[in-house]
Amino acid sequence: MVRPSADKSPPSRSDAEAAKERTTQLLREIRRIEIQTSRLVNQHLAGSYQSVFKGQGVAFSEVRAYTPGDDVRAIDWNVTARTGEPHVKLFTEERELTVMLVVDMSGSLDLGSRDYDKRQLVARLAATFAFSAIRNNDRVGLIGFTDTVEVFVPPRSGRKHVLAVVQQVLTHVPQSRATRVASGLEYLARLGQRHTVAILISDFVDVVPDDSPDAARAFEHALKMVRRRHDLIPIRVEDPLELELPALGLVALEDLELLGLGGDSFLDLSPGRAKNYRQRVEGERARLDQLLRKLSLDSMSIRCGDNWQQPLVNFFARRARRMRR
């Protein structure tokens, strides 16, 4: 049992000031994200959202007597046989939608070699879909995972709820720094939710490793489980530094997912080794892209430092065009 020290002094003034400053910075960041994403939603995505995600399901409404001009395929044969008069089924489009944000919260998201790290980019992407949803009176939920699910926020609507979700993404301190994307997908599959739009946001590090076929199969199986029931949209967030390491010679590396657990190592980044690293990363990215194409999943990749809004605009426009065909 851990007991507090008898002479433990209260936090110093400097500690309190530092905590206040961190809170102020967090509120500013949340407000900045709200302004950026709300402007994007209102100016570019508002109309596309409804055409892209609405009307994907119908629910039975009632049965009424057949009238000339009704589609004969809608005839309810059971009621027709029981009454002796033709009747048709009426359906209404399911308007309310649930958007589930399935978000990677592992240690590797702390990498950032540009204006902001991957975690902040994830928050912006999650907020964009969340504000798009509540603008259309839909509900938003959150599943936050590392190598297990650590955060679950049930779907609700409203601005305050969305801001709380964004804050959770930005501030959650992971209990584990490792990643297993399949854990978030498996959790969603077990929830028993009706059809949802599932936004899967991760850096997808080592999800399809060439040296671990079992891990790759588990990830593919999880994708298939969710895809059967939900509209799954994977979004890959990346930092340029992790895609191509500079040839710096002997350097000390720190694994963000093994922070403080002996994850430091030395690596010879000679030109040849840097090239091998780039080729390995390209191979892993290609395997993921191939898997997503195989499962016919819409996806996108966004890098820290790039214009993160334009890929979203392009995605909505591309998907809207396809659904009009």
C-alpha atoms as a PDB file:
ATOM      1  CA  MET A   1       0.000   0.000   0.000  1.00  0.00           C
ATOM      2  CA  VAL A   2       1.393   3.403  -0.954  1.00  0.00           C
ATOM      3  CA  ARG A   3       1.072   6.063   1.738  1.00  0.00           C
ATOM      4  CA  PRO A   4       1.521   9.793   1.219  1.00  0.00           C
ATOM      5  CA  SER A   5       4.563  11.343   2.833  1.00  0.00           C
ATOM      6  CA  ALA A   6       3.840  13.247   6.041  1.00  0.00           C
ATOM      7  CA  ASP A   7       5.953  16.197   4.996  1.00  0.00           C
ATOM      8  CA  LYS A   8       4.676  16.370   1.446  1.00  0.00           C
ATOM      9  CA  SER A   9       4.491  20.013   0.507  1.00  0.00           C
ATOM     10  CA  PRO A  10       1.738  21.491  -1.671  1.00  0.00           C
ATOM     11  CA  PRO A  11       2.505  22.212  -5.329  1.00  0.00           C
ATOM     12  CA  SER A  12       4.757  25.203  -5.774  1.00  0.00           C
ATOM     13  CA  ARG A  13       3.573  28.386  -7.404  1.00  0.00           C
ATOM     14  CA  SER A  14       5.633  27.557 -10.485  1.00  0.00           C
ATOM     15  CA  ASP A  15       3.962  24.111 -10.764  1.00  0.00           C
ATOM     16  CA  ALA A  16       0.513  25.681 -10.518  1.00  0.00           C
ATOM     17  CA  GLU A  17       1.420  28.291 -13.117  1.00  0.00           C
ATOM     18  CA  ALA A  18       2.771  25.600 -15.422  1.00  0.00           C
ATOM     19  CA  ALA A  19      -0.437  23.576 -15.047  1.00  0.00           C
ATOM     20  CA  LYS A  20      -2.521  26.668 -15.762  1.00  0.00           C
ATOM     21  CA  GLU A  21      -0.444  27.407 -18.857  1.00  0.00           C
ATOM     22  CA  ARG A  22      -0.891  23.831 -20.124  1.00  0.00           C
ATOM     23  CA  THR A  23      -4.648  24.127 -19.652  1.00  0.00           C
ATOM     24  CA  THR A  24      -4.695  27.464 -21.466  1.00  0.00           C
ATOM     25  CA  GLN A  25      -2.690  26.025 -24.367  1.00  0.00           C
ATOM     26  CA  LEU A  26      -5.022  23.024 -24.566  1.00  0.00           C
ATOM     27  CA  LEU A  27      -8.120  25.220 -24.702  1.00  0.00           C
ATOM     28  CA  ARG A  28      -6.510  27.354 -27.392  1.00  0.00           C
ATOM     29  CA  GLU A  29      -5.664  24.266 -29.418  1.00  0.00           C
ATOM     30  CA  ILE A  30      -9.196  22.892 -29.103  1.00  0.00           C
ATOM     31  CA  ARG A  31     -10.647  26.250 -30.110  1.00  0.00           C
ATOM     32  CA  ARG A  32      -8.236  26.461 -33.060  1.00  0.00           C
ATOM     33  CA  ILE A  33      -9.277  22.992 -34.197  1.00  0.00           C
ATOM     34  CA  GLU A  34     -12.959  23.886 -33.853  1.00  0.00           C
ATOM     35  CA  ILE A  35     -12.550  27.030 -35.968  1.00  0.00           C
ATOM     36  CA  GLN A  36     -10.513  25.255 -38.663  1.00  0.00           C
ATOM     37  CA  THR A  37     -12.763  22.230 -38.952  1.00  0.00           C
ATOM     38  CA  SER A  38     -16.032  24.175 -38.705  1.00  0.00           C
ATOM     39  CA  ARG A  39     -14.926  26.450 -41.534  1.00  0.00           C
ATOM     40  CA  LEU A  40     -13.944  23.429 -43.634  1.00  0.00           C
ATOM     41  CA  VAL A  41     -17.272  21.725 -42.950  1.00  0.00           C
ATOM     42  CA  ASN A  42     -19.401  24.803 -43.635  1.00  0.00           C
ATOM     43  CA  GLN A  43     -17.562  25.907 -46.786  1.00  0.00           C
ATOM     44  CA  HIS A  44     -16.680  22.632 -48.481  1.00  0.00           C
ATOM     45  CA  LEU A  45     -18.164  19.520 -46.892  1.00  0.00           C
ATOM     46  CA  ALA A  46     -21.684  20.409 -45.754  1.00  0.00           C
ATOM     47  CA  GLY A  47     -23.483  19.409 -48.940  1.00  0.00           C
ATOM     48  CA  SER A  48     -21.164  16.504 -49.722  1.00  0.00           C
ATOM     49  CA  TYR A  49     -21.624  14.874 -46.323  1.00  0.00           C
ATOM     50  CA  GLN A  50     -25.330  14.256 -46.788  1.00  0.00           C
ATOM     51  CA  SER A  51     -24.952  12.868 -50.302  1.00  0.00           C
ATOM     52  CA  VAL A  52     -21.996  10.702 -49.309  1.00  0.00           C
ATOM     53  CA  PHE A  53     -23.253   9.205 -46.075  1.00  0.00           C
ATOM     54  CA  LYS A  54     -27.037   9.611 -46.004  1.00  0.00           C
ATOM     55  CA  GLY A  55     -29.572   7.230 -47.467  1.00  0.00           C
ATOM     56  CA  GLN A  56     -27.465   4.119 -47.017  1.00  0.00           C
ATOM     57  CA  GLY A  57     -30.263   2.190 -45.371  1.00  0.00           C
ATOM     58  CA  VAL A  58     -34.048   1.964 -45.327  1.00  0.00           C
ATOM     59  CA  ALA A  59     -36.402   0.980 -42.545  1.00  0.00           C
ATOM     60  CA  PHE A  60     -39.860  -0.579 -42.820  1.00  0.00           C
ATOM     61  CA  SER A  61     -42.602   1.985 -42.229  1.00  0.00           C
ATOM     62  CA  GLU A  62     -46.077   0.513 -42.922  1.00  0.00           C
ATOM     63  CA  VAL A  63     -48.267  -1.541 -45.237  1.00  0.00           C
ATOM     64  CA  ARG A  64     -51.019   0.057 -47.304  1.00  0.00           C
ATOM     65  CA  ALA A  65     -53.397  -0.987 -50.052  1.00  0.00           C
ATOM     66  CA  TYR A  66     -51.927  -1.221 -53.521  1.00  0.00           C
ATOM     67  CA  THR A  67     -52.718   1.649 -55.886  1.00  0.00           C
ATOM     68  CA  PRO A  68     -52.074   1.740 -59.635  1.00  0.00           C
ATOM     69  CA  GLY A  69     -48.516   2.838 -60.304  1.00  0.00           C
ATOM     70  CA  ASP A  70     -46.987   1.212 -57.211  1.00  0.00           C
ATOM     71  CA  ASP A  71     -43.908  -0.923 -57.765  1.00  0.00           C
ATOM     72  CA  VAL A  72     -45.072  -4.534 -57.896  1.00  0.00           C
ATOM     73  CA  ARG A  73     -41.773  -5.551 -56.277  1.00  0.00           C
ATOM     74  CA  ALA A  74     -43.001  -3.863 -53.077  1.00  0.00           C
ATOM     75  CA  ILE A  75     -46.094  -6.092 -52.761  1.00  0.00           C
ATOM     76  CA  ASP A  76     -46.384  -7.717 -49.343  1.00  0.00           C
ATOM     77  CA  TRP A  77     -47.545 -11.194 -50.339  1.00  0.00           C
ATOM     78  CA  ASN A  78     -48.328 -12.313 -46.785  1.00  0.00           C
ATOM     79  CA  VAL A  79     -50.731  -9.420 -46.160  1.00  0.00           C
ATOM     80  CA  THR A  80     -52.148  -9.755 -49.692  1.00  0.00           C
ATOM     81  CA  ALA A  81     -52.920 -13.450 -49.125  1.00  0.00           C
ATOM     82  CA  ARG A  82     -54.461 -12.793 -45.705  1.00  0.00           C
ATOM     83  CA  THR A  83     -56.731  -9.937 -46.832  1.00  0.00           C
ATOM     84  CA  GLY A  84     -57.420 -10.974 -50.382  1.00  0.00           C
ATOM     85  CA  GLU A  85     -56.454  -7.479 -51.555  1.00  0.00           C
ATOM     86  CA  PRO A  86     -53.012  -6.444 -52.834  1.00  0.00           C
ATOM     87  CA  HIS A  87     -50.928  -4.472 -50.345  1.00  0.00           C
ATOM     88  CA  VAL A  88     -47.467  -2.959 -50.627  1.00  0.00           C
ATOM     89  CA  LYS A  89     -44.731  -2.304 -48.079  1.00  0.00           C
ATOM     90  CA  LEU A  90     -43.614   1.277 -47.524  1.00  0.00           C
ATOM     91  CA  PHE A  91     -40.090   2.125 -46.447  1.00  0.00           C
ATOM     92  CA  THR A  92     -38.525   5.303 -45.138  1.00  0.00           C
ATOM     93  CA  GLU A  93     -34.924   6.296 -45.512  1.00  0.00           C
ATOM     94  CA  GLU A  94     -32.942   6.036 -42.298  1.00  0.00           C
ATOM     95  CA  ARG A  95     -31.914   9.627 -41.649  1.00  0.00           C
ATOM     96  CA  GLU A  96     -30.118   9.441 -38.346  1.00  0.00           C
ATOM     97  CA  LEU A  97     -26.589   8.184 -38.663  1.00  0.00           C
ATOM     98  CA  THR A  98     -23.907   7.233 -36.164  1.00  0.00           C
ATOM     99  CA  VAL A  99     -20.295   8.165 -36.847  1.00  0.00           C
ATOM    100  CA  MET A 100     -17.801   6.123 -34.811  1.00  0.00           C
ATOM    101  CA  LEU A 101     -14.276   7.504 -34.605  1.00  0.00           C
ATOM    102  CA  VAL A 102     -11.892   4.569 -34.157  1.00  0.00           C
ATOM    103  CA  VAL A 103      -8.695   6.375 -33.197  1.00  0.00           C
ATOM    104  CA  ASP A 104      -5.133   5.219 -32.615  1.00  0.00           C
ATOM    105  CA  MET A 105      -3.830   6.646 -29.324  1.00  0.00           C
ATOM    106  CA  SER A 106      -0.500   4.809 -29.153  1.00  0.00           C
ATOM    107  CA  GLY A 107       2.913   6.298 -28.489  1.00  0.00           C
ATOM    108  CA  SER A 108       3.961   6.472 -32.126  1.00  0.00           C
ATOM    109  CA  LEU A 109       1.526   9.364 -32.668  1.00  0.00           C
ATOM    110  CA  ASP A 110       3.800  11.640 -30.625  1.00  0.00           C
ATOM    111  CA  LEU A 111       6.170  11.916 -33.588  1.00  0.00           C
ATOM    112  CA  GLY A 112       6.128  15.301 -35.257  1.00  0.00           C
ATOM    113  CA  SER A 113       8.835  16.878 -37.378  1.00  0.00           C
ATOM    114  CA  ARG A 114       6.634  19.641 -38.778  1.00  0.00           C
ATOM    115  CA  ASP A 115       4.340  22.275 -37.241  1.00  0.00           C
ATOM    116  CA  TYR A 116       2.414  19.662 -35.240  1.00  0.00           C
ATOM    117  CA  ASP A 117       2.666  15.974 -34.411  1.00  0.00           C
ATOM    118  CA  LYS A 118       0.535  13.110 -35.648  1.00  0.00           C
ATOM    119  CA  ARG A 119      -1.695  13.229 -32.569  1.00  0.00           C
ATOM    120  CA  GLN A 120      -2.711  16.803 -33.349  1.00  0.00           C
ATOM    121  CA  LEU A 121      -3.343  15.851 -36.972  1.00  0.00           C
ATOM    122  CA  VAL A 122      -5.541  12.962 -35.804  1.00  0.00           C
ATOM    123  CA  ALA A 123      -7.530  15.390 -33.640  1.00  0.00           C
ATOM    124  CA  ARG A 124      -8.152  17.673 -36.631  1.00  0.00           C
ATOM    125  CA  LEU A 125      -9.331  14.793 -38.803  1.00  0.00           C
ATOM    126  CA  ALA A 126     -11.572  13.385 -36.091  1.00  0.00           C
ATOM    127  CA  ALA A 127     -13.059  16.833 -35.431  1.00  0.00           C
ATOM    128  CA  THR A 128     -13.827  17.352 -39.124  1.00  0.00           C
ATOM    129  CA  PHE A 129     -15.945  14.214 -39.331  1.00  0.00           C
ATOM    130  CA  ALA A 130     -17.497  14.912 -35.932  1.00  0.00           C
ATOM    131  CA  PHE A 131     -18.578  18.467 -36.804  1.00  0.00           C
ATOM    132  CA  SER A 132     -19.857  17.244 -40.181  1.00  0.00           C
ATOM    133  CA  ALA A 133     -21.985  14.709 -38.341  1.00  0.00           C
ATOM    134  CA  ILE A 134     -23.532  17.008 -35.732  1.00  0.00           C
ATOM    135  CA  ARG A 135     -24.253  19.619 -38.403  1.00  0.00           C
ATOM    136  CA  ASN A 136     -26.612  16.985 -39.836  1.00  0.00           C
ATOM    137  CA  ASN A 137     -27.990  15.999 -36.402  1.00  0.00           C
ATOM    138  CA  ASP A 138     -26.090  12.722 -36.402  1.00  0.00           C
ATOM    139  CA  ARG A 139     -24.363  11.157 -33.413  1.00  0.00           C
ATOM    140  CA  VAL A 140     -20.634  10.769 -32.801  1.00  0.00           C
ATOM    141  CA  GLY A 141     -18.831   8.187 -30.681  1.00  0.00           C
ATOM    142  CA  LEU A 142     -15.181   7.424 -29.956  1.00  0.00           C
ATOM    143  CA  ILE A 143     -13.166   4.228 -29.619  1.00  0.00           C
ATOM    144  CA  GLY A 144      -9.574   4.970 -28.634  1.00  0.00           C
ATOM    145  CA  PHE A 145      -7.095   2.114 -28.802  1.00  0.00           C
ATOM    146  CA  THR A 146      -3.438   1.236 -28.307  1.00  0.00           C
ATOM    147  CA  ASP A 147      -2.849  -2.514 -28.239  1.00  0.00           C
ATOM    148  CA  THR A 148      -6.217  -2.659 -26.468  1.00  0.00           C
ATOM    149  CA  VAL A 149      -9.216  -0.350 -26.261  1.00  0.00           C
ATOM    150  CA  GLU A 150      -8.567   2.315 -23.613  1.00  0.00           C
ATOM    151  CA  VAL A 151     -11.319   4.843 -24.349  1.00  0.00           C
ATOM    152  CA  PHE A 152     -14.961   4.423 -25.270  1.00  0.00           C
ATOM    153  CA  VAL A 153     -17.296   7.406 -25.562  1.00  0.00           C
ATOM    154  CA  PRO A 154     -20.878   6.387 -26.447  1.00  0.00           C
ATOM    155  CA  PRO A 155     -22.377   8.119 -29.490  1.00  0.00           C
ATOM    156  CA  ARG A 156     -24.128  11.408 -28.775  1.00  0.00           C
ATOM    157  CA  SER A 157     -24.818  14.627 -30.633  1.00  0.00           C
ATOM    158  CA  GLY A 158     -24.075  18.254 -29.856  1.00  0.00           C
ATOM    159  CA  ARG A 159     -21.146  20.662 -29.944  1.00  0.00           C
ATOM    160  CA  LYS A 160     -20.108  20.135 -26.327  1.00  0.00           C
ATOM    161  CA  HIS A 161     -19.946  16.397 -26.897  1.00  0.00           C
ATOM    162  CA  VAL A 162     -17.737  16.817 -29.959  1.00  0.00           C
ATOM    163  CA  LEU A 163     -15.380  19.182 -28.117  1.00  0.00           C
ATOM    164  CA  ALA A 164     -15.094  16.632 -25.312  1.00  0.00           C
ATOM    165  CA  VAL A 165     -14.189  13.962 -27.881  1.00  0.00           C
ATOM    166  CA  VAL A 166     -11.495  16.197 -29.387  1.00  0.00           C
ATOM    167  CA  GLN A 167     -10.099  16.904 -25.923  1.00  0.00           C
ATOM    168  CA  GLN A 168     -10.007  13.175 -25.194  1.00  0.00           C
ATOM    169  CA  VAL A 169      -7.988  12.540 -28.355  1.00  0.00           C
ATOM    170  CA  LEU A 170      -5.507  15.304 -27.511  1.00  0.00           C
ATOM    171  CA  THR A 171      -5.017  14.615 -23.815  1.00  0.00           C
ATOM    172  CA  HIS A 172      -5.461  10.880 -23.236  1.00  0.00           C
ATOM    173  CA  VAL A 173      -2.352   9.407 -21.622  1.00  0.00           C
ATOM    174  CA  PRO A 174      -2.107   5.852 -23.003  1.00  0.00           C
ATOM    175  CA  GLN A 175      -1.694   3.031 -20.517  1.00  0.00           C
ATOM    176  CA  SER A 176       0.164   1.147 -23.211  1.00  0.00           C
ATOM    177  CA  ARG A 177       2.326   2.744 -25.876  1.00  0.00           C
ATOM    178  CA  ALA A 178       2.070  -0.237 -28.252  1.00  0.00           C
ATOM    179  CA  THR A 179      -0.351  -0.524 -31.183  1.00  0.00           C
ATOM    180  CA  ARG A 180      -2.780  -3.185 -32.327  1.00  0.00           C
ATOM    181  CA  VAL A 181      -5.252  -1.666 -34.769  1.00  0.00           C
ATOM    182  CA  ALA A 182      -7.306  -4.863 -34.869  1.00  0.00           C
ATOM    183  CA  SER A 183      -8.283  -4.328 -31.208  1.00  0.00           C
ATOM    184  CA  GLY A 184     -10.246  -1.170 -32.060  1.00  0.00           C
ATOM    185  CA  LEU A 185     -11.976  -2.844 -35.002  1.00  0.00           C
ATOM    186  CA  GLU A 186     -12.864  -5.945 -32.990  1.00  0.00           C
ATOM    187  CA  TYR A 187     -14.361  -3.769 -30.254  1.00  0.00           C
ATOM    188  CA  LEU A 188     -16.567  -1.978 -32.781  1.00  0.00           C
ATOM    189  CA  ALA A 189     -17.676  -5.294 -34.269  1.00  0.00           C
ATOM    190  CA  ARG A 190     -18.742  -6.501 -30.798  1.00  0.00           C
ATOM    191  CA  LEU A 191     -20.759  -3.380 -29.973  1.00  0.00           C
ATOM    192  CA  GLY A 192     -23.753  -4.557 -31.968  1.00  0.00           C
ATOM    193  CA  GLN A 193     -24.342  -1.094 -33.391  1.00  0.00           C
ATOM    194  CA  ARG A 194     -26.554  -0.711 -36.414  1.00  0.00           C
ATOM    195  CA  HIS A 195     -24.941   0.540 -39.606  1.00  0.00           C
ATOM    196  CA  THR A 196     -22.404   3.239 -38.786  1.00  0.00           C
ATOM    197  CA  VAL A 197     -19.773   5.254 -40.582  1.00  0.00           C
ATOM    198  CA  ALA A 198     -16.548   4.065 -38.955  1.00  0.00           C
ATOM    199  CA  ILE A 199     -13.606   6.442 -39.383  1.00  0.00           C
ATOM    200  CA  LEU A 200     -10.429   4.493 -38.616  1.00  0.00           C
ATOM    201  CA  ILE A 201      -7.516   6.905 -38.023  1.00  0.00           C
ATOM    202  CA  SER A 202      -4.032   5.489 -37.417  1.00  0.00           C
ATOM    203  CA  ASP A 203      -0.460   5.565 -38.674  1.00  0.00           C
ATOM    204  CA  PHE A 204      -0.885   1.804 -39.368  1.00  0.00           C
ATOM    205  CA  VAL A 205       2.655   1.035 -38.260  1.00  0.00           C
ATOM    206  CA  ASP A 206       3.405  -2.701 -38.626  1.00  0.00           C
ATOM    207  CA  VAL A 207      -0.204  -3.738 -39.332  1.00  0.00           C
ATOM    208  CA  VAL A 208       0.855  -5.923 -42.275  1.00  0.00           C
ATOM    209  CA  PRO A 209       4.427  -6.954 -41.388  1.00  0.00           C
ATOM    210  CA  ASP A 210       6.176  -9.221 -43.857  1.00  0.00           C
ATOM    211  CA  ASP A 211       7.742 -11.202 -40.986  1.00  0.00           C
ATOM    212  CA  SER A 212       4.481 -11.867 -39.076  1.00  0.00           C
ATOM    213  CA  PRO A 213       1.761 -13.390 -41.259  1.00  0.00           C
ATOM    214  CA  ASP A 214      -0.435 -14.099 -38.223  1.00  0.00           C
ATOM    215  CA  ALA A 215      -0.599 -10.399 -37.314  1.00  0.00           C
ATOM    216  CA  ALA A 216      -1.375  -9.496 -40.916  1.00  0.00           C
ATOM    217  CA  ARG A 217      -4.180 -12.079 -41.075  1.00  0.00           C
ATOM    218  CA  ALA A 218      -5.680 -10.848 -37.785  1.00  0.00           C
ATOM    219  CA  PHE A 219      -5.747  -7.288 -39.104  1.00  0.00           C
ATOM    220  CA  GLU A 220      -7.364  -8.339 -42.385  1.00  0.00           C
ATOM    221  CA  HIS A 221      -9.973 -10.410 -40.534  1.00  0.00           C
ATOM    222  CA  ALA A 222     -10.843  -7.437 -38.310  1.00  0.00           C
ATOM    223  CA  LEU A 223     -11.238  -5.194 -41.369  1.00  0.00           C
ATOM    224  CA  LYS A 224     -13.580  -7.732 -42.962  1.00  0.00           C
ATOM    225  CA  MET A 225     -15.716  -8.059 -39.819  1.00  0.00           C
ATOM    226  CA  VAL A 226     -16.316  -4.310 -39.624  1.00  0.00           C
ATOM    227  CA  ARG A 227     -16.709  -3.857 -43.373  1.00  0.00           C
ATOM    228  CA  ARG A 228     -19.567  -6.386 -43.509  1.00  0.00           C
ATOM    229  CA  ARG A 229     -21.743  -4.228 -41.275  1.00  0.00           C
ATOM    230  CA  HIS A 230     -20.384  -0.697 -41.399  1.00  0.00           C
ATOM    231  CA  ASP A 231     -19.079   1.884 -43.824  1.00  0.00           C
ATOM    232  CA  LEU A 232     -15.375   1.719 -42.944  1.00  0.00           C
ATOM    233  CA  ILE A 233     -13.024   4.538 -43.971  1.00  0.00           C
ATOM    234  CA  PRO A 234      -9.341   4.097 -43.052  1.00  0.00           C
ATOM    235  CA  ILE A 235      -7.222   7.274 -42.821  1.00  0.00           C
ATOM    236  CA  ARG A 236      -3.437   6.927 -42.563  1.00  0.00           C
ATOM    237  CA  VAL A 237      -1.529   9.731 -40.838  1.00  0.00           C
ATOM    238  CA  GLU A 238       2.197   9.983 -41.455  1.00  0.00           C
ATOM    239  CA  ASP A 239       5.187  12.159 -40.696  1.00  0.00           C
ATOM    240  CA  PRO A 240       7.796  12.700 -43.425  1.00  0.00           C
ATOM    241  CA  LEU A 241      10.588  11.729 -41.020  1.00  0.00           C
ATOM    242  CA  GLU A 242       9.301   8.175 -40.604  1.00  0.00           C
ATOM    243  CA  LEU A 243       9.076   7.637 -44.356  1.00  0.00           C
ATOM    244  CA  GLU A 244      12.672   8.433 -45.216  1.00  0.00           C
ATOM    245  CA  LEU A 245      15.487   8.749 -42.676  1.00  0.00           C
ATOM    246  CA  PRO A 246      18.451  10.971 -43.561  1.00  0.00           C
ATOM    247  CA  ALA A 247      21.890   9.371 -43.880  1.00  0.00           C
ATOM    248  CA  LEU A 248      23.340  10.683 -40.599  1.00  0.00           C
ATOM    249  CA  GLY A 249      25.774   7.896 -39.729  1.00  0.00           C
ATOM    250  CA  LEU A 250      25.636   6.440 -36.188  1.00  0.00           C
ATOM    251  CA  VAL A 251      22.605   7.842 -34.314  1.00  0.00           C
ATOM    252  CA  ALA A 252      20.674   7.029 -31.142  1.00  0.00           C
ATOM    253  CA  LEU A 253      17.034   6.154 -31.797  1.00  0.00           C
ATOM    254  CA  GLU A 254      14.143   6.136 -29.338  1.00  0.00           C
ATOM    255  CA  ASP A 255      11.136   3.938 -30.007  1.00  0.00           C
ATOM    256  CA  LEU A 256       8.066   6.006 -29.096  1.00  0.00           C
ATOM    257  CA  GLU A 257       6.124   2.826 -28.337  1.00  0.00           C
ATOM    258  CA  LEU A 258       8.813   1.575 -25.931  1.00  0.00           C
ATOM    259  CA  LEU A 259       9.483   4.895 -24.231  1.00  0.00           C
ATOM    260  CA  GLY A 260      11.252   4.341 -20.914  1.00  0.00           C
ATOM    261  CA  LEU A 261      11.226   0.571 -21.403  1.00  0.00           C
ATOM    262  CA  GLY A 262      14.609   0.095 -22.955  1.00  0.00           C
ATOM    263  CA  GLY A 263      13.530   1.202 -26.370  1.00  0.00           C
ATOM    264  CA  ASP A 264      16.697   3.214 -27.086  1.00  0.00           C
ATOM    265  CA  SER A 265      19.127   1.774 -29.618  1.00  0.00           C
ATOM    266  CA  PHE A 266      21.952   2.864 -31.849  1.00  0.00           C
ATOM    267  CA  LEU A 267      21.675   2.564 -35.585  1.00  0.00           C
ATOM    268  CA  ASP A 268      24.132   3.105 -38.369  1.00  0.00           C
ATOM    269  CA  LEU A 269      22.297   5.311 -40.851  1.00  0.00           C
ATOM    270  CA  SER A 270      24.777   5.052 -43.645  1.00  0.00           C
ATOM    271  CA  PRO A 271      23.449   5.855 -47.132  1.00  0.00           C
ATOM    272  CA  GLY A 272      22.966   2.163 -47.846  1.00  0.00           C
ATOM    273  CA  ARG A 273      21.081   1.493 -44.616  1.00  0.00           C
ATOM    274  CA  ALA A 274      18.935   4.603 -45.051  1.00  0.00           C
ATOM    275  CA  LYS A 275      18.004   3.320 -48.505  1.00  0.00           C
ATOM    276  CA  ASN A 276      17.105  -0.099 -47.087  1.00  0.00           C
ATOM    277  CA  TYR A 277      14.892   1.563 -44.478  1.00  0.00           C
ATOM    278  CA  ARG A 278      13.078   3.576 -47.159  1.00  0.00           C
ATOM    279  CA  GLN A 279      12.495   0.455 -49.236  1.00  0.00           C
ATOM    280  CA  ARG A 280      11.126  -1.428 -46.228  1.00  0.00           C
ATOM    281  CA  VAL A 281       8.712   1.395 -45.392  1.00  0.00           C
ATOM    282  CA  GLU A 282       7.598   1.590 -49.018  1.00  0.00           C
ATOM    283  CA  GLY A 283       6.982  -2.155 -49.013  1.00  0.00           C
ATOM    284  CA  GLU A 284       4.859  -1.968 -45.860  1.00  0.00           C
ATOM    285  CA  ARG A 285       2.830   0.943 -47.251  1.00  0.00           C
ATOM    286  CA  ALA A 286       2.319  -0.923 -50.532  1.00  0.00           C
ATOM    287  CA  ARG A 287       1.050  -4.035 -48.708  1.00  0.00           C
ATOM    288  CA  LEU A 288      -1.463  -1.944 -46.770  1.00  0.00           C
ATOM    289  CA  ASP A 289      -2.642  -0.165 -49.925  1.00  0.00           C
ATOM    290  CA  GLN A 290      -3.026  -3.511 -51.681  1.00  0.00           C
ATOM    291  CA  LEU A 291      -5.104  -4.901 -48.811  1.00  0.00           C
ATOM    292  CA  LEU A 292      -7.411  -1.866 -48.742  1.00  0.00           C
ATOM    293  CA  ARG A 293      -7.928  -2.112 -52.512  1.00  0.00           C
ATOM    294  CA  LYS A 294      -8.630  -5.827 -52.193  1.00  0.00           C
ATOM    295  CA  LEU A 295     -11.394  -5.089 -49.691  1.00  0.00           C
ATOM    296  CA  SER A 296     -12.695  -2.152 -51.787  1.00  0.00           C
ATOM    297  CA  LEU A 297     -12.249   0.286 -48.908  1.00  0.00           C
ATOM    298  CA  ASP A 298     -12.156   4.028 -49.501  1.00  0.00           C
ATOM    299  CA  SER A 299      -9.052   5.394 -47.819  1.00  0.00           C
ATOM    300  CA  MET A 300      -6.694   8.345 -47.753  1.00  0.00           C
ATOM    301  CA  SER A 301      -3.217   9.218 -46.512  1.00  0.00           C
ATOM    302  CA  ILE A 302      -2.362  12.582 -44.935  1.00  0.00           C
ATOM    303  CA  ARG A 303       1.080  13.792 -43.835  1.00  0.00           C
ATOM    304  CA  CYS A 304       2.044  16.224 -41.115  1.00  0.00           C
ATOM    305  CA  GLY A 305       3.098  19.522 -42.654  1.00  0.00           C
ATOM    306  CA  ASP A 306       0.964  19.071 -45.773  1.00  0.00           C
ATOM    307  CA  ASN A 307      -2.415  20.639 -46.460  1.00  0.00           C
ATOM    308  CA  TRP A 308      -4.586  18.232 -44.463  1.00  0.00           C
ATOM    309  CA  GLN A 309      -7.870  19.773 -45.584  1.00  0.00           C
ATOM    310  CA  GLN A 310      -7.558  19.269 -49.338  1.00  0.00           C
ATOM    311  CA  PRO A 311      -7.399  15.444 -49.202  1.00  0.00           C
ATOM    312  CA  LEU A 312     -10.668  15.481 -47.237  1.00  0.00           C
ATOM    313  CA  VAL A 313     -12.343  17.758 -49.789  1.00  0.00           C
ATOM    314  CA  ASN A 314     -11.088  15.507 -52.605  1.00  0.00           C
ATOM    315  CA  PHE A 315     -12.292  12.390 -50.787  1.00  0.00           C
ATOM    316  CA  PHE A 316     -15.818  13.734 -50.275  1.00  0.00           C
ATOM    317  CA  ALA A 317     -16.031  14.920 -53.893  1.00  0.00           C
ATOM    318  CA  ARG A 318     -14.720  11.635 -55.294  1.00  0.00           C
ATOM    319  CA  ARG A 319     -17.082   9.553 -53.198  1.00  0.00           C
ATOM    320  CA  ALA A 320     -20.074  11.758 -54.031  1.00  0.00           C
ATOM    321  CA  ARG A 321     -19.389  11.375 -57.769  1.00  0.00           C
ATOM    322  CA  ARG A 322     -19.211   7.614 -57.447  1.00  0.00           C
ATOM    323  CA  MET A 323     -22.478   7.378 -55.496  1.00  0.00           C
ATOM    324  CA  ARG A 324     -24.311   9.415 -58.155  1.00  0.00           C
ATOM    325  CA  ARG A 325     -23.498   6.878 -60.831  1.00  0.00           C
END
